[in-house]
PDB file of N, CA and C in Angstrom:
ATOM      1  N   MET A   1      -8.043  14.649  -8.761  1.00  0.00           N
ATOM      2  CA  MET A   1      -8.619  13.380  -9.059  1.00  0.00           C
ATOM      3  C   MET A   1      -9.745  13.533  -9.740  1.00  0.00           C
ATOM      4  N   ASN A   2     -10.027  12.888 -10.936  1.00  0.00           N
ATOM      5  CA  ASN A   2     -11.358  12.948 -11.540  1.00  0.00           C
ATOM      6  C   ASN A   2     -12.135  11.871 -11.001  1.00  0.00           C
ATOM      7  N   ILE A   3     -13.414  11.836 -11.721  1.00  0.00           N
ATOM      8  CA  ILE A   3     -14.639  10.939 -11.023  1.00  0.00           C
ATOM      9  C   ILE A   3     -14.188   9.526 -11.065  1.00  0.00           C
ATOM     10  N   GLU A   4     -13.556   8.905 -12.233  1.00  0.00           N
ATOM     11  CA  GLU A   4     -13.359   7.517 -12.397  1.00  0.00           C
ATOM     12  C   GLU A   4     -12.130   7.130 -11.349  1.00  0.00           C
ATOM     13  N   GLU A   5     -10.963   8.092 -11.129  1.00  0.00           N
ATOM     14  CA  GLU A   5      -9.993   8.002 -10.043  1.00  0.00           C
ATOM     15  C   GLU A   5     -10.802   7.859  -8.631  1.00  0.00           C
ATOM     16  N   THR A   6     -11.419   8.672  -8.499  1.00  0.00           N
ATOM     17  CA  THR A   6     -12.290   8.843  -7.148  1.00  0.00           C
ATOM     18  C   THR A   6     -13.022   7.520  -6.723  1.00  0.00           C
ATOM     19  N   LYS A   7     -13.875   7.103  -7.940  1.00  0.00           N
ATOM     20  CA  LYS A   7     -14.377   5.819  -7.478  1.00  0.00           C
ATOM     21  C   LYS A   7     -13.638   4.764  -7.291  1.00  0.00           C
ATOM     22  N   GLU A   8     -12.370   4.790  -8.098  1.00  0.00           N
ATOM     23  CA  GLU A   8     -11.372   3.478  -7.719  1.00  0.00           C
ATOM     24  C   GLU A   8     -10.930   3.733  -6.540  1.00  0.00           C
ATOM     25  N   ALA A   9     -10.579   4.743  -6.088  1.00  0.00           N
ATOM     26  CA  ALA A   9     -10.290   5.071  -4.710  1.00  0.00           C
ATOM     27  C   ALA A   9     -11.221   4.605  -3.652  1.00  0.00           C
ATOM     28  N   ILE A  10     -12.491   5.075  -3.840  1.00  0.00           N
ATOM     29  CA  ILE A  10     -13.146   4.799  -2.792  1.00  0.00           C
ATOM     30  C   ILE A  10     -13.374   3.029  -2.796  1.00  0.00           C
ATOM     31  N   ARG A  11     -13.338   2.356  -4.093  1.00  0.00           N
ATOM     32  CA  ARG A  11     -13.405   0.941  -4.015  1.00  0.00           C
ATOM     33  C   ARG A  11     -12.287   0.190  -3.060  1.00  0.00           C
ATOM     34  N   VAL A  12     -11.070   0.849  -3.654  1.00  0.00           N
ATOM     35  CA  VAL A  12      -9.852   0.263  -2.704  1.00  0.00           C
ATOM     36  C   VAL A  12      -9.978   0.451  -1.226  1.00  0.00           C
ATOM     37  N   MET A  13     -10.477   1.771  -0.964  1.00  0.00           N
ATOM     38  CA  MET A  13     -10.663   1.996   0.681  1.00  0.00           C
ATOM     39  C   MET A  13     -11.735   1.094   1.345  1.00  0.00           C
ATOM     40  N   GLN A  14     -12.947   0.929   0.659  1.00  0.00           N
ATOM     41  CA  GLN A  14     -13.746  -0.040   1.221  1.00  0.00           C
ATOM     42  C   GLN A  14     -13.238  -1.497   1.199  1.00  0.00           C
ATOM     43  N   ALA A  15     -12.485  -1.906   0.429  1.00  0.00           N
ATOM     44  CA  ALA A  15     -12.012  -3.180   0.515  1.00  0.00           C
ATOM     45  C   ALA A  15     -11.191  -3.295   1.802  1.00  0.00           C
ATOM     46  N   PHE A  16     -10.435  -2.200   2.032  1.00  0.00           N
ATOM     47  CA  PHE A  16      -9.501  -2.258   3.013  1.00  0.00           C
ATOM     48  C   PHE A  16     -10.458  -2.287   4.380  1.00  0.00           C
ATOM     49  N   VAL A  17     -11.387  -1.416   4.043  1.00  0.00           N
ATOM     50  CA  VAL A  17     -12.221  -1.397   5.489  1.00  0.00           C
ATOM     51  C   VAL A  17     -12.915  -2.837   5.915  1.00  0.00           C
ATOM     52  N   HIS A  18     -13.203  -3.750   4.670  1.00  0.00           N
ATOM     53  CA  HIS A  18     -13.819  -4.903   4.860  1.00  0.00           C
ATOM     54  C   HIS A  18     -12.814  -6.144   4.971  1.00  0.00           C
ATOM     55  N   GLY A  19     -11.390  -5.653   5.291  1.00  0.00           N
ATOM     56  CA  GLY A  19     -10.370  -6.700   5.617  1.00  0.00           C
ATOM     57  C   GLY A  19      -9.785  -7.212   4.467  1.00  0.00           C
ATOM     58  N   LYS A  20     -10.047  -6.855   3.242  1.00  0.00           N
ATOM     59  CA  LYS A  20      -9.247  -7.301   1.916  1.00  0.00           C
ATOM     60  C   LYS A  20      -7.565  -6.602   2.023  1.00  0.00           C
ATOM     61  N   GLU A  21      -6.819  -7.580   1.583  1.00  0.00           N
ATOM     62  CA  GLU A  21      -5.493  -7.197   1.184  1.00  0.00           C
ATOM     63  C   GLU A  21      -5.084  -6.323   0.237  1.00  0.00           C
ATOM     64  N   LEU A  22      -4.367  -5.272   0.593  1.00  0.00           N
ATOM     65  CA  LEU A  22      -4.047  -4.080  -0.569  1.00  0.00           C
ATOM     66  C   LEU A  22      -2.566  -4.381  -0.769  1.00  0.00           C
ATOM     67  N   GLN A  23      -2.155  -3.677  -1.884  1.00  0.00           N
ATOM     68  CA  GLN A  23      -0.938  -3.444  -2.484  1.00  0.00           C
ATOM     69  C   GLN A  23      -0.438  -2.168  -2.818  1.00  0.00           C
ATOM     70  N   ILE A  24       0.680  -1.713  -2.690  1.00  0.00           N
ATOM     71  CA  ILE A  24       1.069  -0.369  -3.519  1.00  0.00           C
ATOM     72  C   ILE A  24       2.262  -0.815  -4.524  1.00  0.00           C
ATOM     73  N   LEU A  25       2.115   0.271  -5.451  1.00  0.00           N
ATOM     74  CA  LEU A  25       3.133   0.116  -6.388  1.00  0.00           C
ATOM     75  C   LEU A  25       4.592   0.777  -5.913  1.00  0.00           C
ATOM     76  N   GLY A  26       5.339  -0.258  -5.713  1.00  0.00           N
ATOM     77  CA  GLY A  26       6.821   0.136  -5.144  1.00  0.00           C
ATOM     78  C   GLY A  26       7.662   0.969  -6.023  1.00  0.00           C
ATOM     79  N   PRO A  27       8.867   1.429  -5.594  1.00  0.00           N
ATOM     80  CA  PRO A  27       9.541   2.420  -6.277  1.00  0.00           C
ATOM     81  C   PRO A  27      10.337   1.477  -7.614  1.00  0.00           C
ATOM     82  N   VAL A  28      10.375   0.192  -7.760  1.00  0.00           N
ATOM     83  CA  VAL A  28      11.021  -0.456  -8.797  1.00  0.00           C
ATOM     84  C   VAL A  28       9.888  -0.922  -9.623  1.00  0.00           C
ATOM     85  N   GLY A  29       8.709  -0.482  -9.414  1.00  0.00           N
ATOM     86  CA  GLY A  29       7.828  -0.912 -10.483  1.00  0.00           C
ATOM     87  C   GLY A  29       6.984  -2.577  -9.935  1.00  0.00           C
ATOM     88  N   LYS A  30       7.173  -2.944  -8.717  1.00  0.00           N
ATOM     89  CA  LYS A  30       6.821  -4.138  -8.324  1.00  0.00           C
ATOM     90  C   LYS A  30       5.835  -4.024  -7.232  1.00  0.00           C
ATOM     91  N   TRP A  31       4.375  -4.715  -7.347  1.00  0.00           N
ATOM     92  CA  TRP A  31       3.376  -4.540  -6.190  1.00  0.00           C
ATOM     93  C   TRP A  31       3.692  -5.145  -4.974  1.00  0.00           C
ATOM     94  N   GLU A  32       3.693  -4.513  -3.830  1.00  0.00           N
ATOM     95  CA  GLU A  32       3.955  -4.774  -2.485  1.00  0.00           C
ATOM     96  C   GLU A  32       2.752  -4.710  -1.518  1.00  0.00           C
ATOM     97  N   PRO A  33       2.875  -5.556  -0.454  1.00  0.00           N
ATOM     98  CA  PRO A  33       1.768  -5.390   0.443  1.00  0.00           C
ATOM     99  C   PRO A  33       1.951  -4.280   1.140  1.00  0.00           C
ATOM    100  N   VAL A  34       0.923  -3.665   1.758  1.00  0.00           N
ATOM    101  CA  VAL A  34       0.671  -2.711   2.667  1.00  0.00           C
ATOM    102  C   VAL A  34      -0.361  -2.778   3.569  1.00  0.00           C
ATOM    103  N   ASN A  35       0.071  -2.809   4.833  1.00  0.00           N
ATOM    104  CA  ASN A  35      -0.774  -3.121   5.982  1.00  0.00           C
ATOM    105  C   ASN A  35      -1.520  -1.889   6.480  1.00  0.00           C
ATOM    106  N   CYS A  36      -1.025  -0.616   6.410  1.00  0.00           N
ATOM    107  CA  CYS A  36      -1.412   0.630   7.032  1.00  0.00           C
ATOM    108  C   CYS A  36      -1.159   1.691   6.192  1.00  0.00           C
ATOM    109  N   PRO A  37      -2.016   1.885   5.096  1.00  0.00           N
ATOM    110  CA  PRO A  37      -2.064   2.607   3.998  1.00  0.00           C
ATOM    111  C   PRO A  37      -2.047   4.160   4.393  1.00  0.00           C
ATOM    112  N   ARG A  38      -1.643   5.121   3.839  1.00  0.00           N
ATOM    113  CA  ARG A  38      -1.342   6.397   4.334  1.00  0.00           C
ATOM    114  C   ARG A  38      -2.198   7.123   3.472  1.00  0.00           C
ATOM    115  N   TRP A  39      -2.799   6.847   2.389  1.00  0.00           N
ATOM    116  CA  TRP A  39      -3.808   7.318   1.323  1.00  0.00           C
ATOM    117  C   TRP A  39      -3.222   8.667   0.689  1.00  0.00           C
ATOM    118  N   ALA A  40      -2.027   8.247   0.155  1.00  0.00           N
ATOM    119  CA  ALA A  40      -1.571   9.628  -0.540  1.00  0.00           C
ATOM    120  C   ALA A  40      -1.873   9.484  -2.048  1.00  0.00           C
ATOM    121  N   TRP A  41      -2.842   9.554  -2.491  1.00  0.00           N
ATOM    122  CA  TRP A  41      -3.431   9.158  -3.772  1.00  0.00           C
ATOM    123  C   TRP A  41      -2.406   9.899  -4.786  1.00  0.00           C
ATOM    124  N   GLY A  42      -2.138  11.079  -4.596  1.00  0.00           N
ATOM    125  CA  GLY A  42      -1.294  11.814  -5.369  1.00  0.00           C
ATOM    126  C   GLY A  42      -0.009  11.335  -6.018  1.00  0.00           C
ATOM    127  N   ASP A  43       0.705  10.557  -5.071  1.00  0.00           N
ATOM    128  CA  ASP A  43       2.006   9.916  -5.609  1.00  0.00           C
ATOM    129  C   ASP A  43       1.971   8.661  -4.989  1.00  0.00           C
ATOM    130  N   THR A  44       1.075   7.803  -4.966  1.00  0.00           N
ATOM    131  CA  THR A  44       1.072   6.387  -4.591  1.00  0.00           C
ATOM    132  C   THR A  44      -0.052   5.531  -5.399  1.00  0.00           C
ATOM    133  N   GLN A  45       0.372   4.645  -5.941  1.00  0.00           N
ATOM    134  CA  GLN A  45      -0.814   3.659  -6.370  1.00  0.00           C
ATOM    135  C   GLN A  45      -1.276   2.455  -5.706  1.00  0.00           C
ATOM    136  N   TYR A  46      -2.355   2.437  -5.402  1.00  0.00           N
ATOM    137  CA  TYR A  46      -2.840   1.167  -4.624  1.00  0.00           C
ATOM    138  C   TYR A  46      -3.726   0.501  -5.278  1.00  0.00           C
ATOM    139  N   ARG A  47      -3.757  -0.950  -4.803  1.00  0.00           N
ATOM    140  CA  ARG A  47      -4.709  -1.731  -5.593  1.00  0.00           C
ATOM    141  C   ARG A  47      -5.141  -2.921  -4.631  1.00  0.00           C
ATOM    142  N   ILE A  48      -6.368  -3.538  -4.805  1.00  0.00           N
ATOM    143  CA  ILE A  48      -6.529  -4.558  -4.034  1.00  0.00           C
ATOM    144  C   ILE A  48      -5.982  -5.712  -4.751  1.00  0.00           C
ATOM    145  N   LYS A  49      -5.264  -6.676  -3.787  1.00  0.00           N
ATOM    146  CA  LYS A  49      -4.732  -7.734  -4.041  1.00  0.00           C
ATOM    147  C   LYS A  49      -5.192  -8.604  -4.985  1.00  0.00           C
ATOM    148  N   PRO A  50      -4.757  -8.835  -6.270  1.00  0.00           N
ATOM    149  CA  PRO A  50      -5.650  -9.915  -7.017  1.00  0.00           C
ATOM    150  C   PRO A  50      -5.576 -11.287  -6.434  1.00  0.00           C
ATOM    151  N   ILE A  51      -6.597 -12.008  -6.682  1.00  0.00           N
ATOM    152  CA  ILE A  51      -6.515 -13.326  -6.169  1.00  0.00           C
ATOM    153  C   ILE A  51      -6.593 -14.139  -7.498  1.00  0.00           C
ATOM    154  N   ALA A  52      -5.483 -15.112  -7.226  1.00  0.00           N
ATOM    155  CA  ALA A  52      -5.266 -16.138  -8.351  1.00  0.00           C
ATOM    156  C   ALA A  52      -6.523 -17.168  -8.302  1.00  0.00           C
ATOM    157  N   THR A  53      -6.928 -17.217  -9.550  1.00  0.00           N
ATOM    158  CA  THR A  53      -7.873 -18.428 -10.079  1.00  0.00           C
ATOM    159  C   THR A  53      -7.403 -19.476 -11.120  1.00  0.00           C
ATOM    160  N   ILE A  54      -7.943 -20.494 -11.018  1.00  0.00           N
ATOM    161  CA  ILE A  54      -7.461 -21.281 -12.055  1.00  0.00           C
ATOM    162  C   ILE A  54      -8.893 -21.687 -12.928  1.00  0.00           C
ATOM    163  N   ARG A  55      -8.555 -21.772 -14.286  1.00  0.00           N
ATOM    164  CA  ARG A  55      -9.657 -22.296 -15.294  1.00  0.00           C
ATOM    165  C   ARG A  55      -9.213 -23.114 -16.016  1.00  0.00           C
ATOM    166  N   PRO A  56     -10.011 -23.884 -16.869  1.00  0.00           N
ATOM    167  CA  PRO A  56      -9.863 -25.182 -17.747  1.00  0.00           C
ATOM    168  C   PRO A  56      -9.104 -24.248 -18.909  1.00  0.00           C
ATOM    169  N   TRP A  57      -8.165 -25.356 -19.580  1.00  0.00           N
ATOM    170  CA  TRP A  57      -7.410 -24.686 -20.858  1.00  0.00           C
ATOM    171  C   TRP A  57      -8.448 -24.710 -21.783  1.00  0.00           C
ATOM    172  N   THR A  58      -7.973 -23.910 -22.667  1.00  0.00           N
ATOM    173  CA  THR A  58      -8.816 -23.871 -24.226  1.00  0.00           C
ATOM    174  C   THR A  58      -7.929 -24.726 -25.008  1.00  0.00           C
ATOM    175  N   ALA A  59      -8.507 -25.036 -26.108  1.00  0.00           N
ATOM    176  CA  ALA A  59      -7.820 -25.899 -27.128  1.00  0.00           C
ATOM    177  C   ALA A  59      -6.258 -25.564 -27.655  1.00  0.00           C
ATOM    178  N   ASN A  60      -6.003 -24.242 -27.501  1.00  0.00           N
ATOM    179  CA  ASN A  60      -4.726 -23.695 -27.844  1.00  0.00           C
ATOM    180  C   ASN A  60      -3.919 -23.727 -26.663  1.00  0.00           C
ATOM    181  N   GLU A  61      -4.365 -23.973 -25.603  1.00  0.00           N
ATOM    182  CA  GLU A  61      -3.473 -24.000 -24.172  1.00  0.00           C
ATOM    183  C   GLU A  61      -3.193 -25.283 -23.887  1.00  0.00           C
ATOM    184  N   VAL A  62      -3.485 -26.485 -24.324  1.00  0.00           N
ATOM    185  CA  VAL A  62      -3.375 -27.725 -23.794  1.00  0.00           C
ATOM    186  C   VAL A  62      -1.836 -28.015 -24.212  1.00  0.00           C
ATOM    187  N   PRO A  63      -1.066 -28.433 -23.353  1.00  0.00           N
ATOM    188  CA  PRO A  63       0.386 -28.665 -23.458  1.00  0.00           C
ATOM    189  C   PRO A  63       0.478 -30.047 -24.181  1.00  0.00           C
ATOM    190  N   LEU A  64       0.579 -30.076 -25.459  1.00  0.00           N
ATOM    191  CA  LEU A  64       0.814 -31.362 -26.199  1.00  0.00           C
ATOM    192  C   LEU A  64       2.188 -31.828 -25.919  1.00  0.00           C
ATOM    193  N   GLY A  65       2.462 -33.402 -25.465  1.00  0.00           N
ATOM    194  CA  GLY A  65       3.625 -33.714 -25.287  1.00  0.00           C
ATOM    195  C   GLY A  65       3.739 -33.842 -23.903  1.00  0.00           C
ATOM    196  N   ALA A  66       2.812 -33.217 -23.022  1.00  0.00           N
ATOM    197  CA  ALA A  66       2.990 -33.256 -21.422  1.00  0.00           C
ATOM    198  C   ALA A  66       2.463 -34.678 -20.990  1.00  0.00           C
ATOM    199  N   TRP A  67       3.028 -34.989 -19.838  1.00  0.00           N
ATOM    200  CA  TRP A  67       2.382 -36.110 -19.298  1.00  0.00           C
ATOM    201  C   TRP A  67       1.268 -35.875 -18.393  1.00  0.00           C
ATOM    202  N   MET A  68       0.173 -36.778 -18.438  1.00  0.00           N
ATOM    203  CA  MET A  68      -1.041 -36.401 -17.576  1.00  0.00           C
ATOM    204  C   MET A  68      -1.563 -37.650 -16.687  1.00  0.00           C
ATOM    205  N   ARG A  69      -2.082 -37.521 -15.495  1.00  0.00           N
ATOM    206  CA  ARG A  69      -2.472 -38.557 -14.647  1.00  0.00           C
ATOM    207  C   ARG A  69      -3.690 -38.246 -13.708  1.00  0.00           C
ATOM    208  N   LYS A  70      -4.575 -39.255 -13.700  1.00  0.00           N
ATOM    209  CA  LYS A  70      -5.853 -39.060 -12.738  1.00  0.00           C
ATOM    210  C   LYS A  70      -5.314 -38.671 -11.358  1.00  0.00           C
ATOM    211  N   ILE A  71      -5.947 -37.484 -10.530  1.00  0.00           N
ATOM    212  CA  ILE A  71      -5.319 -37.410  -9.133  1.00  0.00           C
ATOM    213  C   ILE A  71      -5.923 -38.656  -8.419  1.00  0.00           C
ATOM    214  N   GLN A  72      -6.983 -39.352  -8.626  1.00  0.00           N
ATOM    215  CA  GLN A  72      -7.392 -40.601  -7.959  1.00  0.00           C
ATOM    216  C   GLN A  72      -6.498 -41.692  -8.160  1.00  0.00           C
ATOM    217  N   ASP A  73      -5.789 -41.799  -9.116  1.00  0.00           N
ATOM    218  CA  ASP A  73      -4.998 -43.076  -9.609  1.00  0.00           C
ATOM    219  C   ASP A  73      -3.748 -42.926 -10.412  1.00  0.00           C
ATOM    220  N   VAL A  74      -2.827 -42.494  -9.550  1.00  0.00           N
ATOM    221  CA  VAL A  74      -1.430 -41.662 -10.124  1.00  0.00           C
ATOM    222  C   VAL A  74      -0.451 -42.773 -10.651  1.00  0.00           C
ATOM    223  N   SER A  75      -0.938 -44.179 -10.623  1.00  0.00           N
ATOM    224  CA  SER A  75      -0.043 -45.170 -11.205  1.00  0.00           C
ATOM    225  C   SER A  75      -0.119 -45.040 -12.833  1.00  0.00           C
ATOM    226  N   ARG A  76      -1.472 -44.671 -13.240  1.00  0.00           N
ATOM    227  CA  ARG A  76      -1.533 -44.594 -14.803  1.00  0.00           C
ATOM    228  C   ARG A  76      -1.261 -43.439 -15.244  1.00  0.00           C
ATOM    229  N   ARG A  77      -0.424 -43.251 -16.308  1.00  0.00           N
ATOM    230  CA  ARG A  77       0.081 -41.910 -16.826  1.00  0.00           C
ATOM    231  C   ARG A  77      -0.013 -42.118 -18.404  1.00  0.00           C
ATOM    232  N   TRP A  78      -0.407 -40.922 -19.149  1.00  0.00           N
ATOM    233  CA  TRP A  78      -0.471 -40.933 -20.442  1.00  0.00           C
ATOM    234  C   TRP A  78       0.192 -39.569 -21.026  1.00  0.00           C
ATOM    235  N   VAL A  79       0.512 -39.714 -22.282  1.00  0.00           N
ATOM    236  CA  VAL A  79       1.089 -38.326 -22.798  1.00  0.00           C
ATOM    237  C   VAL A  79       0.006 -37.811 -23.591  1.00  0.00           C
ATOM    238  N   VAL A  80      -0.107 -36.421 -23.367  1.00  0.00           N
ATOM    239  CA  VAL A  80      -1.052 -35.700 -24.080  1.00  0.00           C
ATOM    240  C   VAL A  80      -0.826 -35.571 -25.774  1.00  0.00           C
ATOM    241  N   ILE A  81      -1.577 -36.319 -26.616  1.00  0.00           N
ATOM    242  CA  ILE A  81      -1.460 -35.941 -28.039  1.00  0.00           C
ATOM    243  C   ILE A  81      -2.284 -35.202 -28.797  1.00  0.00           C
ATOM    244  N   ASP A  82      -3.572 -34.785 -28.134  1.00  0.00           N
ATOM    245  CA  ASP A  82      -4.677 -34.242 -28.542  1.00  0.00           C
ATOM    246  C   ASP A  82      -5.298 -33.124 -27.761  1.00  0.00           C
ATOM    247  N   THR A  83      -5.684 -32.040 -28.208  1.00  0.00           N
ATOM    248  CA  THR A  83      -6.248 -30.884 -27.389  1.00  0.00           C
ATOM    249  C   THR A  83      -7.523 -31.338 -26.967  1.00  0.00           C
ATOM    250  N   GLY A  84      -8.262 -32.513 -27.289  1.00  0.00           N
ATOM    251  CA  GLY A  84      -9.445 -32.838 -26.843  1.00  0.00           C
ATOM    252  C   GLY A  84     -10.749 -31.887 -27.123  1.00  0.00           C
ATOM    253  N   ASN A  85     -11.736 -32.111 -26.620  1.00  0.00           N
ATOM    254  CA  ASN A  85     -13.015 -31.352 -26.706  1.00  0.00           C
ATOM    255  C   ASN A  85     -13.017 -30.554 -25.498  1.00  0.00           C
ATOM    256  N   GLU A  86     -14.215 -29.695 -25.237  1.00  0.00           N
ATOM    257  CA  GLU A  86     -14.264 -28.890 -24.309  1.00  0.00           C
ATOM    258  C   GLU A  86     -14.595 -29.932 -22.949  1.00  0.00           C
ATOM    259  N   LEU A  87     -15.347 -30.820 -23.266  1.00  0.00           N
ATOM    260  CA  LEU A  87     -15.908 -31.816 -22.289  1.00  0.00           C
ATOM    261  C   LEU A  87     -14.746 -32.582 -21.725  1.00  0.00           C
ATOM    262  N   TRP A  88     -13.670 -32.851 -22.392  1.00  0.00           N
ATOM    263  CA  TRP A  88     -12.394 -33.534 -22.063  1.00  0.00           C
ATOM    264  C   TRP A  88     -11.574 -32.595 -21.218  1.00  0.00           C
ATOM    265  N   ARG A  89     -11.580 -31.468 -21.856  1.00  0.00           N
ATOM    266  CA  ARG A  89     -10.557 -30.337 -21.106  1.00  0.00           C
ATOM    267  C   ARG A  89     -11.308 -30.070 -19.676  1.00  0.00           C
ATOM    268  N   GLN A  90     -12.606 -29.923 -19.390  1.00  0.00           N
ATOM    269  CA  GLN A  90     -13.208 -29.708 -18.181  1.00  0.00           C
ATOM    270  C   GLN A  90     -12.981 -30.907 -17.429  1.00  0.00           C
ATOM    271  N   ALA A  91     -13.101 -32.142 -17.862  1.00  0.00           N
ATOM    272  CA  ALA A  91     -12.759 -33.526 -16.937  1.00  0.00           C
ATOM    273  C   ALA A  91     -11.267 -33.457 -16.598  1.00  0.00           C
ATOM    274  N   TRP A  92     -10.542 -33.158 -17.420  1.00  0.00           N
ATOM    275  CA  TRP A  92      -9.020 -32.909 -17.226  1.00  0.00           C
ATOM    276  C   TRP A  92      -8.741 -31.977 -15.911  1.00  0.00           C
ATOM    277  N   PHE A  93      -9.606 -30.821 -16.123  1.00  0.00           N
ATOM    278  CA  PHE A  93      -9.350 -29.671 -14.937  1.00  0.00           C
ATOM    279  C   PHE A  93     -10.162 -30.115 -13.751  1.00  0.00           C
ATOM    280  N   GLU A  94     -10.947 -31.031 -13.578  1.00  0.00           N
ATOM    281  CA  GLU A  94     -11.637 -31.648 -12.336  1.00  0.00           C
ATOM    282  C   GLU A  94     -10.954 -32.717 -11.704  1.00  0.00           C
ATOM    283  N   ASP A  95     -10.548 -33.723 -12.477  1.00  0.00           N
ATOM    284  CA  ASP A  95      -9.899 -34.697 -11.941  1.00  0.00           C
ATOM    285  C   ASP A  95      -8.447 -35.208 -12.415  1.00  0.00           C
ATOM    286  N   SER A  96      -7.738 -34.392 -12.959  1.00  0.00           N
ATOM    287  CA  SER A  96      -6.372 -34.800 -13.622  1.00  0.00           C
ATOM    288  C   SER A  96      -5.434 -33.614 -13.175  1.00  0.00           C
ATOM    289  N   GLU A  97      -3.985 -34.079 -13.538  1.00  0.00           N
ATOM    290  CA  GLU A  97      -2.979 -33.187 -13.244  1.00  0.00           C
ATOM    291  C   GLU A  97      -1.901 -33.568 -14.470  1.00  0.00           C
ATOM    292  N   HIS A  98      -1.070 -32.607 -14.774  1.00  0.00           N
ATOM    293  CA  HIS A  98      -0.117 -32.677 -15.599  1.00  0.00           C
ATOM    294  C   HIS A  98       1.333 -32.315 -15.249  1.00  0.00           C
ATOM    295  N   SER A  99       2.277 -32.850 -16.024  1.00  0.00           N
ATOM    296  CA  SER A  99       3.558 -32.744 -15.829  1.00  0.00           C
ATOM    297  C   SER A  99       4.448 -32.236 -17.225  1.00  0.00           C
ATOM    298  N   ILE A 100       4.957 -31.036 -17.028  1.00  0.00           N
ATOM    299  CA  ILE A 100       5.965 -30.727 -18.548  1.00  0.00           C
ATOM    300  C   ILE A 100       7.279 -30.903 -18.086  1.00  0.00           C
ATOM    301  N   ASP A 101       7.589 -31.621 -17.052  1.00  0.00           N
ATOM    302  CA  ASP A 101       9.281 -32.118 -16.851  1.00  0.00           C
ATOM    303  C   ASP A 101       9.365 -33.596 -16.618  1.00  0.00           C
ATOM    304  N   GLY A 102       8.466 -34.125 -17.385  1.00  0.00           N
ATOM    305  CA  GLY A 102       8.651 -35.790 -17.113  1.00  0.00           C
ATOM    306  C   GLY A 102       8.492 -36.180 -15.975  1.00  0.00           C
ATOM    307  N   GLY A 103       7.444 -35.716 -15.159  1.00  0.00           N
ATOM    308  CA  GLY A 103       6.873 -36.364 -13.992  1.00  0.00           C
ATOM    309  C   GLY A 103       7.380 -35.812 -12.831  1.00  0.00           C
ATOM    310  N   LYS A 104       8.376 -34.851 -12.727  1.00  0.00           N
ATOM    311  CA  LYS A 104       8.974 -34.419 -11.506  1.00  0.00           C
ATOM    312  C   LYS A 104       8.169 -33.638 -10.707  1.00  0.00           C
ATOM    313  N   THR A 105       7.215 -32.690 -11.430  1.00  0.00           N
ATOM    314  CA  THR A 105       6.133 -31.787 -10.712  1.00  0.00           C
ATOM    315  C   THR A 105       4.939 -31.963 -11.447  1.00  0.00           C
ATOM    316  N   TRP A 106       4.018 -32.128 -10.631  1.00  0.00           N
ATOM    317  CA  TRP A 106       2.622 -32.129 -11.191  1.00  0.00           C
ATOM    318  C   TRP A 106       1.682 -30.906 -10.788  1.00  0.00           C
ATOM    319  N   LEU A 107       0.845 -30.542 -11.759  1.00  0.00           N
ATOM    320  CA  LEU A 107       0.166 -29.131 -11.560  1.00  0.00           C
ATOM    321  C   LEU A 107      -1.286 -29.444 -12.267  1.00  0.00           C
ATOM    322  N   GLN A 108      -2.082 -28.889 -11.629  1.00  0.00           N
ATOM    323  CA  GLN A 108      -3.299 -28.978 -11.974  1.00  0.00           C
ATOM    324  C   GLN A 108      -3.908 -28.570 -13.669  1.00  0.00           C
ATOM    325  N   CYS A 109      -4.672 -29.180 -14.152  1.00  0.00           N
ATOM    326  CA  CYS A 109      -5.017 -29.016 -15.581  1.00  0.00           C
ATOM    327  C   CYS A 109      -5.632 -27.748 -15.919  1.00  0.00           C
ATOM    328  N   GLY A 110      -5.019 -26.547 -16.300  1.00  0.00           N
ATOM    329  CA  GLY A 110      -5.818 -25.310 -16.428  1.00  0.00           C
ATOM    330  C   GLY A 110      -4.567 -24.185 -16.448  1.00  0.00           C
ATOM    331  N   VAL A 111      -5.194 -23.089 -16.458  1.00  0.00           N
ATOM    332  CA  VAL A 111      -4.404 -21.664 -16.708  1.00  0.00           C
ATOM    333  C   VAL A 111      -4.547 -21.051 -15.308  1.00  0.00           C
ATOM    334  N   MET A 112      -3.525 -20.457 -14.676  1.00  0.00           N
ATOM    335  CA  MET A 112      -3.770 -19.503 -13.559  1.00  0.00           C
ATOM    336  C   MET A 112      -3.987 -18.313 -14.200  1.00  0.00           C
ATOM    337  N   GLU A 113      -4.713 -17.481 -13.485  1.00  0.00           N
ATOM    338  CA  GLU A 113      -5.083 -16.209 -13.719  1.00  0.00           C
ATOM    339  C   GLU A 113      -5.325 -15.248 -12.603  1.00  0.00           C
ATOM    340  N   GLU A 114      -4.931 -13.800 -12.604  1.00  0.00           N
ATOM    341  CA  GLU A 114      -5.368 -12.976 -11.504  1.00  0.00           C
ATOM    342  C   GLU A 114      -6.537 -12.624 -11.687  1.00  0.00           C
ATOM    343  N   SER A 115      -7.332 -12.385 -10.791  1.00  0.00           N
ATOM    344  CA  SER A 115      -8.632 -11.812 -11.062  1.00  0.00           C
ATOM    345  C   SER A 115      -8.594 -10.559 -10.004  1.00  0.00           C
ATOM    346  N   LYS A 116      -9.534  -9.416 -10.514  1.00  0.00           N
ATOM    347  CA  LYS A 116      -9.780  -8.074  -9.723  1.00  0.00           C
ATOM    348  C   LYS A 116     -10.464  -8.313  -8.587  1.00  0.00           C
TER     349      LYS A 116
END
């Protein structure tokens, strides 16, 4: 292990000590939960389970043509025809939801990201 790999191993092990969820890279290339790691750094990759967060859309990410509604007043709906400005997108993020399947499912207005 080099210095950077050692620092990352320490960070992961400290997270485990503090009760964070860990994952290992499984044999098919998919991250899987690990409850009792054996710390075989030479042949196993470990990571702290990423936490999903959501952030407001940028202008390029607004789903034009989607339905939108206020969370507090679901009886009123409108079609998104403009990307809006940053203030609009922040307001949508805070108090609206959107549907890209004609109103069957409703999602928060934003982009889901995994953080480290």
